[in-house]
PDB file of N, CA and C in Angstrom:
ATOM      1  N   HIS A   1       8.859 -11.604  -1.824  1.00  0.00           N
ATOM      2  CA  HIS A   1       8.421 -12.356  -2.980  1.00  0.00           C
ATOM      3  C   HIS A   1       7.897 -11.386  -4.038  1.00  0.00           C
ATOM      4  N   ILE A   2       8.518 -11.416  -5.171  1.00  0.00           N
ATOM      5  CA  ILE A   2       8.170 -10.480  -6.234  1.00  0.00           C
ATOM      6  C   ILE A   2       6.724 -10.654  -6.679  1.00  0.00           C
ATOM      7  N   ASN A   3       6.268 -11.904  -6.813  1.00  0.00           N
ATOM      8  CA  ASN A   3       4.906 -12.126  -7.303  1.00  0.00           C
ATOM      9  C   ASN A   3       3.854 -12.125  -6.193  1.00  0.00           C
ATOM     10  N   GLY A   4       4.262 -11.898  -4.957  1.00  0.00           N
ATOM     11  CA  GLY A   4       3.312 -11.837  -3.847  1.00  0.00           C
ATOM     12  C   GLY A   4       2.924 -13.188  -3.279  1.00  0.00           C
ATOM     13  N   ASN A   5       3.392 -14.263  -3.892  1.00  0.00           N
ATOM     14  CA  ASN A   5       3.076 -15.612  -3.436  1.00  0.00           C
ATOM     15  C   ASN A   5       4.170 -16.067  -2.479  1.00  0.00           C
ATOM     16  N   THR A   6       3.863 -16.093  -1.175  1.00  0.00           N
ATOM     17  CA  THR A   6       4.870 -16.444  -0.165  1.00  0.00           C
ATOM     18  C   THR A   6       5.262 -17.916  -0.233  1.00  0.00           C
ATOM     19  N   GLY A   7       4.510 -18.723  -0.945  1.00  0.00           N
ATOM     20  CA  GLY A   7       4.846 -20.127  -1.105  1.00  0.00           C
ATOM     21  C   GLY A   7       5.831 -20.386  -2.233  1.00  0.00           C
ATOM     22  N   ASP A   8       6.044 -19.392  -3.084  1.00  0.00           N
ATOM     23  CA  ASP A   8       6.956 -19.528  -4.225  1.00  0.00           C
ATOM     24  C   ASP A   8       8.328 -18.981  -3.835  1.00  0.00           C
ATOM     25  N   ASN A   9       9.207 -19.879  -3.361  1.00  0.00           N
ATOM     26  CA  ASN A   9      10.532 -19.456  -2.912  1.00  0.00           C
ATOM     27  C   ASN A   9      11.619 -19.690  -3.959  1.00  0.00           C
ATOM     28  N   SER A  10      11.237 -19.704  -5.219  1.00  0.00           N
ATOM     29  CA  SER A  10      12.238 -19.874  -6.268  1.00  0.00           C
ATOM     30  C   SER A  10      13.137 -18.644  -6.319  1.00  0.00           C
ATOM     31  N   ILE A  11      14.379 -18.847  -6.715  1.00  0.00           N
ATOM     32  CA  ILE A  11      15.366 -17.764  -6.753  1.00  0.00           C
ATOM     33  C   ILE A  11      14.877 -16.582  -7.590  1.00  0.00           C
ATOM     34  N   GLY A  12      14.215 -16.844  -8.693  1.00  0.00           N
ATOM     35  CA  GLY A  12      13.727 -15.772  -9.555  1.00  0.00           C
ATOM     36  C   GLY A  12      12.605 -14.953  -8.939  1.00  0.00           C
ATOM     37  N   ASN A  13      11.991 -15.458  -7.869  1.00  0.00           N
ATOM     38  CA  ASN A  13      10.890 -14.745  -7.224  1.00  0.00           C
ATOM     39  C   ASN A  13      11.332 -14.006  -5.965  1.00  0.00           C
ATOM     40  N   LEU A  14      12.600 -14.102  -5.605  1.00  0.00           N
ATOM     41  CA  LEU A  14      13.107 -13.444  -4.400  1.00  0.00           C
ATOM     42  C   LEU A  14      14.044 -12.313  -4.772  1.00  0.00           C
ATOM     43  N   ARG A  15      14.129 -11.314  -3.914  1.00  0.00           N
ATOM     44  CA  ARG A  15      15.072 -10.216  -4.126  1.00  0.00           C
ATOM     45  C   ARG A  15      15.579  -9.741  -2.770  1.00  0.00           C
ATOM     46  N   VAL A  16      16.738  -9.142  -2.767  1.00  0.00           N
ATOM     47  CA  VAL A  16      17.327  -8.620  -1.544  1.00  0.00           C
ATOM     48  C   VAL A  16      16.696  -7.261  -1.273  1.00  0.00           C
ATOM     49  N   VAL A  17      16.095  -7.116  -0.097  1.00  0.00           N
ATOM     50  CA  VAL A  17      15.421  -5.871   0.262  1.00  0.00           C
ATOM     51  C   VAL A  17      15.734  -5.512   1.712  1.00  0.00           C
ATOM     52  N   THR A  18      15.499  -4.250   2.056  1.00  0.00           N
ATOM     53  CA  THR A  18      15.620  -3.831   3.445  1.00  0.00           C
ATOM     54  C   THR A  18      14.345  -4.241   4.178  1.00  0.00           C
ATOM     55  N   ARG A  19      14.361  -4.162   5.489  1.00  0.00           N
ATOM     56  CA  ARG A  19      13.170  -4.482   6.279  1.00  0.00           C
ATOM     57  C   ARG A  19      12.011  -3.557   5.896  1.00  0.00           C
ATOM     58  N   GLN A  20      12.322  -2.271   5.693  1.00  0.00           N
ATOM     59  CA  GLN A  20      11.291  -1.300   5.326  1.00  0.00           C
ATOM     60  C   GLN A  20      10.659  -1.664   3.981  1.00  0.00           C
ATOM     61  N   GLN A  21      11.476  -1.997   3.001  1.00  0.00           N
ATOM     62  CA  GLN A  21      10.950  -2.365   1.691  1.00  0.00           C
ATOM     63  C   GLN A  21      10.104  -3.626   1.782  1.00  0.00           C
ATOM     64  N   ASN A  22      10.492  -4.568   2.615  1.00  0.00           N
ATOM     65  CA  ASN A  22       9.725  -5.797   2.791  1.00  0.00           C
ATOM     66  C   ASN A  22       8.362  -5.488   3.403  1.00  0.00           C
ATOM     67  N   CYS A  23       8.300  -4.541   4.335  1.00  0.00           N
ATOM     68  CA  CYS A  23       7.033  -4.172   4.980  1.00  0.00           C
ATOM     69  C   CYS A  23       6.076  -3.502   4.002  1.00  0.00           C
ATOM     70  N   TRP A  24       6.597  -2.883   2.954  1.00  0.00           N
ATOM     71  CA  TRP A  24       5.736  -2.233   1.976  1.00  0.00           C
ATOM     72  C   TRP A  24       4.840  -3.233   1.262  1.00  0.00           C
ATOM     73  N   ASN A  25       5.185  -4.499   1.276  1.00  0.00           N
ATOM     74  CA  ASN A  25       4.412  -5.514   0.570  1.00  0.00           C
ATOM     75  C   ASN A  25       3.339  -6.174   1.418  1.00  0.00           C
ATOM     76  N   LYS A  26       3.154  -5.726   2.649  1.00  0.00           N
ATOM     77  CA  LYS A  26       2.124  -6.310   3.508  1.00  0.00           C
ATOM     78  C   LYS A  26       0.736  -6.026   2.944  1.00  0.00           C
ATOM     79  N   THR A  27      -0.187  -6.915   3.235  1.00  0.00           N
ATOM     80  CA  THR A  27      -1.573  -6.669   2.839  1.00  0.00           C
ATOM     81  C   THR A  27      -2.264  -5.885   3.949  1.00  0.00           C
ATOM     82  N   ALA A  28      -3.445  -5.387   3.672  1.00  0.00           N
ATOM     83  CA  ALA A  28      -4.193  -4.614   4.667  1.00  0.00           C
ATOM     84  C   ALA A  28      -4.646  -5.530   5.800  1.00  0.00           C
ATOM     85  N   PRO A  29      -4.608  -5.019   7.035  1.00  0.00           N
ATOM     86  CA  PRO A  29      -5.148  -5.810   8.142  1.00  0.00           C
ATOM     87  C   PRO A  29      -6.620  -6.126   7.881  1.00  0.00           C
ATOM     88  N   THR A  30      -7.084  -7.287   8.308  1.00  0.00           N
ATOM     89  CA  THR A  30      -8.459  -7.689   8.025  1.00  0.00           C
ATOM     90  C   THR A  30      -9.482  -6.801   8.715  1.00  0.00           C
ATOM     91  N   LYS A  31      -9.080  -6.105   9.769  1.00  0.00           N
ATOM     92  CA  LYS A  31     -10.026  -5.264  10.501  1.00  0.00           C
ATOM     93  C   LYS A  31     -10.038  -3.812  10.023  1.00  0.00           C
ATOM     94  N   THR A  32      -9.332  -3.510   8.957  1.00  0.00           N
ATOM     95  CA  THR A  32      -9.325  -2.157   8.415  1.00  0.00           C
ATOM     96  C   THR A  32     -10.717  -1.831   7.881  1.00  0.00           C
ATOM     97  N   PRO A  33     -11.350  -0.751   8.376  1.00  0.00           N
ATOM     98  CA  PRO A  33     -12.720  -0.430   7.943  1.00  0.00           C
ATOM     99  C   PRO A  33     -12.881  -0.282   6.427  1.00  0.00           C
ATOM    100  N   SER A  34     -11.889   0.315   5.762  1.00  0.00           N
ATOM    101  CA  SER A  34     -12.002   0.489   4.315  1.00  0.00           C
ATOM    102  C   SER A  34     -11.691  -0.814   3.588  1.00  0.00           C
ATOM    103  N   GLY A  35     -10.981  -1.720   4.245  1.00  0.00           N
ATOM    104  CA  GLY A  35     -10.579  -2.962   3.608  1.00  0.00           C
ATOM    105  C   GLY A  35      -9.371  -2.799   2.711  1.00  0.00           C
ATOM    106  N   ALA A  36      -8.769  -1.609   2.693  1.00  0.00           N
ATOM    107  CA  ALA A  36      -7.641  -1.333   1.818  1.00  0.00           C
ATOM    108  C   ALA A  36      -6.502  -0.697   2.610  1.00  0.00           C
ATOM    109  N   ARG A  37      -5.298  -1.051   2.240  1.00  0.00           N
ATOM    110  CA  ARG A  37      -4.128  -0.519   2.919  1.00  0.00           C
ATOM    111  C   ARG A  37      -3.920   0.956   2.573  1.00  0.00           C
ATOM    112  N   HIS A  38      -3.521   1.750   3.545  1.00  0.00           N
ATOM    113  CA  HIS A  38      -3.243   3.187   3.415  1.00  0.00           C
ATOM    114  C   HIS A  38      -4.497   4.023   3.168  1.00  0.00           C
ATOM    115  N   ILE A  39      -5.665   3.454   3.383  1.00  0.00           N
ATOM    116  CA  ILE A  39      -6.906   4.212   3.202  1.00  0.00           C
ATOM    117  C   ILE A  39      -7.711   4.155   4.485  1.00  0.00           C
ATOM    118  N   ARG A  40      -8.068   5.327   4.984  1.00  0.00           N
ATOM    119  CA  ARG A  40      -8.873   5.447   6.193  1.00  0.00           C
ATOM    120  C   ARG A  40     -10.184   6.121   5.845  1.00  0.00           C
ATOM    121  N   ILE A  41     -11.209   5.858   6.634  1.00  0.00           N
ATOM    122  CA  ILE A  41     -12.508   6.500   6.428  1.00  0.00           C
ATOM    123  C   ILE A  41     -12.724   7.486   7.565  1.00  0.00           C
ATOM    124  N   LYS A  42     -13.027   8.729   7.211  1.00  0.00           N
ATOM    125  CA  LYS A  42     -13.304   9.761   8.214  1.00  0.00           C
ATOM    126  C   LYS A  42     -14.282  10.759   7.622  1.00  0.00           C
ATOM    127  N   HIS A  43     -15.326  11.039   8.343  1.00  0.00           N
ATOM    128  CA  HIS A  43     -16.359  11.985   7.893  1.00  0.00           C
ATOM    129  C   HIS A  43     -16.918  11.606   6.511  1.00  0.00           C
ATOM    130  N   LYS A  44     -17.131  10.311   6.317  1.00  0.00           N
ATOM    131  CA  LYS A  44     -17.716   9.765   5.082  1.00  0.00           C
ATOM    132  C   LYS A  44     -16.859  10.010   3.845  1.00  0.00           C
ATOM    133  N   LYS A  45     -15.561  10.232   4.050  1.00  0.00           N
ATOM    134  CA  LYS A  45     -14.622  10.375   2.940  1.00  0.00           C
ATOM    135  C   LYS A  45     -13.500   9.376   3.122  1.00  0.00           C
ATOM    136  N   PHE A  46     -12.854   9.028   2.013  1.00  0.00           N
ATOM    137  CA  PHE A  46     -11.764   8.061   2.029  1.00  0.00           C
ATOM    138  C   PHE A  46     -10.444   8.822   1.944  1.00  0.00           C
ATOM    139  N   HIS A  47      -9.630   8.680   2.966  1.00  0.00           N
ATOM    140  CA  HIS A  47      -8.366   9.401   3.061  1.00  0.00           C
ATOM    141  C   HIS A  47      -7.203   8.468   2.739  1.00  0.00           C
ATOM    142  N   VAL A  48      -6.379   8.874   1.779  1.00  0.00           N
ATOM    143  CA  VAL A  48      -5.174   8.123   1.434  1.00  0.00           C
ATOM    144  C   VAL A  48      -4.032   8.770   2.211  1.00  0.00           C
ATOM    145  N   ILE A  49      -3.344   7.945   3.015  1.00  0.00           N
ATOM    146  CA  ILE A  49      -2.298   8.469   3.884  1.00  0.00           C
ATOM    147  C   ILE A  49      -1.040   7.621   3.765  1.00  0.00           C
ATOM    148  N   PHE A  50       0.076   8.270   3.454  1.00  0.00           N
ATOM    149  CA  PHE A  50       1.391   7.637   3.487  1.00  0.00           C
ATOM    150  C   PHE A  50       2.234   8.417   4.478  1.00  0.00           C
ATOM    151  N   SER A  51       2.977   7.712   5.294  1.00  0.00           N
ATOM    152  CA  SER A  51       3.815   8.352   6.304  1.00  0.00           C
ATOM    153  C   SER A  51       5.225   7.808   6.220  1.00  0.00           C
ATOM    154  N   ARG A  52       6.145   8.616   6.694  1.00  0.00           N
ATOM    155  CA  ARG A  52       7.526   8.180   6.895  1.00  0.00           C
ATOM    156  C   ARG A  52       7.826   8.497   8.346  1.00  0.00           C
ATOM    157  N   GLY A  53       7.836   7.460   9.180  1.00  0.00           N
ATOM    158  CA  GLY A  53       7.956   7.681  10.620  1.00  0.00           C
ATOM    159  C   GLY A  53       6.676   8.326  11.115  1.00  0.00           C
ATOM    160  N   VAL A  54       6.794   9.469  11.782  1.00  0.00           N
ATOM    161  CA  VAL A  54       5.606  10.177  12.261  1.00  0.00           C
ATOM    162  C   VAL A  54       5.183  11.284  11.299  1.00  0.00           C
ATOM    163  N   LYS A  55       5.959  11.509  10.248  1.00  0.00           N
ATOM    164  CA  LYS A  55       5.682  12.579   9.299  1.00  0.00           C
ATOM    165  C   LYS A  55       4.821  12.068   8.141  1.00  0.00           C
ATOM    166  N   ARG A  56       3.716  12.739   7.890  1.00  0.00           N
ATOM    167  CA  ARG A  56       2.881  12.397   6.732  1.00  0.00           C
ATOM    168  C   ARG A  56       3.518  12.981   5.488  1.00  0.00           C
ATOM    169  N   ILE A  57       3.665  12.136   4.482  1.00  0.00           N
ATOM    170  CA  ILE A  57       4.259  12.621   3.237  1.00  0.00           C
ATOM    171  C   ILE A  57       3.224  12.713   2.122  1.00  0.00           C
ATOM    172  N   TYR A  58       2.036  12.167   2.367  1.00  0.00           N
ATOM    173  CA  TYR A  58       0.934  12.305   1.405  1.00  0.00           C
ATOM    174  C   TYR A  58      -0.355  12.089   2.159  1.00  0.00           C
ATOM    175  N   HIS A  59      -1.311  13.004   1.987  1.00  0.00           N
ATOM    176  CA  HIS A  59      -2.618  12.866   2.622  1.00  0.00           C
ATOM    177  C   HIS A  59      -3.643  13.639   1.801  1.00  0.00           C
ATOM    178  N   LYS A  60      -4.561  12.911   1.186  1.00  0.00           N
ATOM    179  CA  LYS A  60      -5.649  13.518   0.414  1.00  0.00           C
ATOM    180  C   LYS A  60      -6.908  12.728   0.663  1.00  0.00           C
ATOM    181  N   SER A  61      -8.063  13.385   0.494  1.00  0.00           N
ATOM    182  CA  SER A  61      -9.329  12.674   0.675  1.00  0.00           C
ATOM    183  C   SER A  61     -10.080  12.585  -0.651  1.00  0.00           C
ATOM    184  N   PHE A  62     -10.904  11.533  -0.749  1.00  0.00           N
ATOM    185  CA  PHE A  62     -11.648  11.255  -1.977  1.00  0.00           C
ATOM    186  C   PHE A  62     -13.072  10.854  -1.620  1.00  0.00           C
ATOM    187  N   PRO A  63     -14.033  11.132  -2.500  1.00  0.00           N
ATOM    188  CA  PRO A  63     -15.434  10.811  -2.202  1.00  0.00           C
ATOM    189  C   PRO A  63     -15.766   9.328  -2.304  1.00  0.00           C
ATOM    190  N   THR A  64     -14.985   8.566  -3.100  1.00  0.00           N
ATOM    191  CA  THR A  64     -15.292   7.141  -3.275  1.00  0.00           C
ATOM    192  C   THR A  64     -14.053   6.290  -2.987  1.00  0.00           C
ATOM    193  N   LEU A  65     -14.295   5.054  -2.611  1.00  0.00           N
ATOM    194  CA  LEU A  65     -13.195   4.125  -2.360  1.00  0.00           C
ATOM    195  C   LEU A  65     -12.412   3.854  -3.640  1.00  0.00           C
ATOM    196  N   GLU A  66     -13.100   3.750  -4.758  1.00  0.00           N
ATOM    197  CA  GLU A  66     -12.432   3.478  -6.033  1.00  0.00           C
ATOM    198  C   GLU A  66     -11.437   4.586  -6.387  1.00  0.00           C
ATOM    199  N   ALA A  67     -11.838   5.848  -6.194  1.00  0.00           N
ATOM    200  CA  ALA A  67     -10.949   6.976  -6.483  1.00  0.00           C
ATOM    201  C   ALA A  67      -9.748   6.963  -5.538  1.00  0.00           C
ATOM    202  N   ALA A  68      -9.990   6.617  -4.280  1.00  0.00           N
ATOM    203  CA  ALA A  68      -8.916   6.557  -3.290  1.00  0.00           C
ATOM    204  C   ALA A  68      -7.924   5.447  -3.641  1.00  0.00           C
ATOM    205  N   ILE A  69      -8.411   4.302  -4.061  1.00  0.00           N
ATOM    206  CA  ILE A  69      -7.536   3.185  -4.432  1.00  0.00           C
ATOM    207  C   ILE A  69      -6.674   3.555  -5.632  1.00  0.00           C
ATOM    208  N   LYS A  70      -7.268   4.215  -6.612  1.00  0.00           N
ATOM    209  CA  LYS A  70      -6.518   4.624  -7.800  1.00  0.00           C
ATOM    210  C   LYS A  70      -5.398   5.596  -7.411  1.00  0.00           C
ATOM    211  N   ALA A  71      -5.723   6.584  -6.575  1.00  0.00           N
ATOM    212  CA  ALA A  71      -4.727   7.557  -6.128  1.00  0.00           C
ATOM    213  C   ALA A  71      -3.656   6.881  -5.282  1.00  0.00           C
ATOM    214  N   ARG A  72      -4.077   5.967  -4.405  1.00  0.00           N
ATOM    215  CA  ARG A  72      -3.135   5.246  -3.549  1.00  0.00           C
ATOM    216  C   ARG A  72      -2.122   4.468  -4.379  1.00  0.00           C
ATOM    217  N   ASP A  73      -2.590   3.784  -5.414  1.00  0.00           N
ATOM    218  CA  ASP A  73      -1.698   2.993  -6.255  1.00  0.00           C
ATOM    219  C   ASP A  73      -0.708   3.881  -7.007  1.00  0.00           C
ATOM    220  N   GLU A  74      -1.164   5.036  -7.476  1.00  0.00           N
ATOM    221  CA  GLU A  74      -0.277   5.971  -8.173  1.00  0.00           C
ATOM    222  C   GLU A  74       0.790   6.521  -7.239  1.00  0.00           C
ATOM    223  N   VAL A  75       0.383   6.882  -6.014  1.00  0.00           N
ATOM    224  CA  VAL A  75       1.331   7.425  -5.040  1.00  0.00           C
ATOM    225  C   VAL A  75       2.317   6.342  -4.613  1.00  0.00           C
ATOM    226  N   ALA A  76       1.834   5.126  -4.389  1.00  0.00           N
ATOM    227  CA  ALA A  76       2.718   4.026  -3.985  1.00  0.00           C
ATOM    228  C   ALA A  76       3.786   3.783  -5.052  1.00  0.00           C
ATOM    229  N   LEU A  77       3.405   3.811  -6.304  1.00  0.00           N
ATOM    230  CA  LEU A  77       4.364   3.612  -7.389  1.00  0.00           C
ATOM    231  C   LEU A  77       5.391   4.738  -7.412  1.00  0.00           C
ATOM    232  N   ARG A  78       4.939   5.971  -7.211  1.00  0.00           N
ATOM    233  CA  ARG A  78       5.849   7.118  -7.217  1.00  0.00           C
ATOM    234  C   ARG A  78       6.804   7.069  -6.019  1.00  0.00           C
ATOM    235  N   LEU A  79       6.291   6.745  -4.829  1.00  0.00           N
ATOM    236  CA  LEU A  79       7.112   6.751  -3.617  1.00  0.00           C
ATOM    237  C   LEU A  79       7.995   5.520  -3.488  1.00  0.00           C
ATOM    238  N   ARG A  80       7.520   4.383  -3.966  1.00  0.00           N
ATOM    239  CA  ARG A  80       8.204   3.122  -3.694  1.00  0.00           C
ATOM    240  C   ARG A  80       8.749   2.423  -4.926  1.00  0.00           C
ATOM    241  N   GLY A  81       8.485   2.972  -6.084  1.00  0.00           N
ATOM    242  CA  GLY A  81       9.042   2.413  -7.312  1.00  0.00           C
ATOM    243  C   GLY A  81       8.751   0.937  -7.486  1.00  0.00           C
ATOM    244  N   GLY A  82       9.802   0.168  -7.739  1.00  0.00           N
ATOM    245  CA  GLY A  82       9.673  -1.254  -7.975  1.00  0.00           C
ATOM    246  C   GLY A  82       9.206  -2.057  -6.786  1.00  0.00           C
ATOM    247  N   PHE A  83       9.147  -1.439  -5.608  1.00  0.00           N
ATOM    248  CA  PHE A  83       8.682  -2.143  -4.427  1.00  0.00           C
ATOM    249  C   PHE A  83       7.214  -1.844  -4.110  1.00  0.00           C
ATOM    250  N   ALA A  84       6.543  -1.131  -4.995  1.00  0.00           N
ATOM    251  CA  ALA A  84       5.120  -0.864  -4.802  1.00  0.00           C
ATOM    252  C   ALA A  84       4.341  -2.067  -5.287  1.00  0.00           C
ATOM    253  N   PRO A  85       3.710  -2.792  -4.361  1.00  0.00           N
ATOM    254  CA  PRO A  85       2.946  -3.946  -4.809  1.00  0.00           C
ATOM    255  C   PRO A  85       1.663  -3.516  -5.494  1.00  0.00           C
ATOM    256  N   SER A  86       1.113  -4.386  -6.286  1.00  0.00           N
ATOM    257  CA  SER A  86      -0.209  -4.147  -6.840  1.00  0.00           C
ATOM    258  C   SER A  86      -1.182  -4.475  -5.721  1.00  0.00           C
ATOM    259  N   ILE A  87      -1.597  -3.453  -4.974  1.00  0.00           N
ATOM    260  CA  ILE A  87      -2.373  -3.665  -3.761  1.00  0.00           C
ATOM    261  C   ILE A  87      -3.830  -3.338  -3.998  1.00  0.00           C
ATOM    262  N   GLU A  88      -4.528  -4.276  -4.537  1.00  0.00           N
ATOM    263  CA  GLU A  88      -5.959  -4.112  -4.743  1.00  0.00           C
ATOM    264  C   GLU A  88      -6.626  -4.011  -3.387  1.00  0.00           C
ATOM    265  N   ALA A  89      -7.847  -3.504  -3.353  1.00  0.00           N
ATOM    266  CA  ALA A  89      -8.568  -3.293  -2.099  1.00  0.00           C
ATOM    267  C   ALA A  89      -8.648  -4.504  -1.240  1.00  0.00           C
TER     268      ALA A  89
END
């Protein structure tokens, strides 16, 4: 669903995607300590991590969650293009 609303099944809101591209639109699990997808907390820092299989393709740490979210969104757009959802915390 392009707009993120799974209840809106209109033709204009759907697109043909691979399974991997569809998974990119998932929200963060509710039990994620940071509350944000692709962000982990370790040693009181927020780590933004993107992987392809078992290989990490981006990993940086930030002092604040806000800085990590901003970096995460920029990296997601660069790596995933039009399939990067607007993934707020």
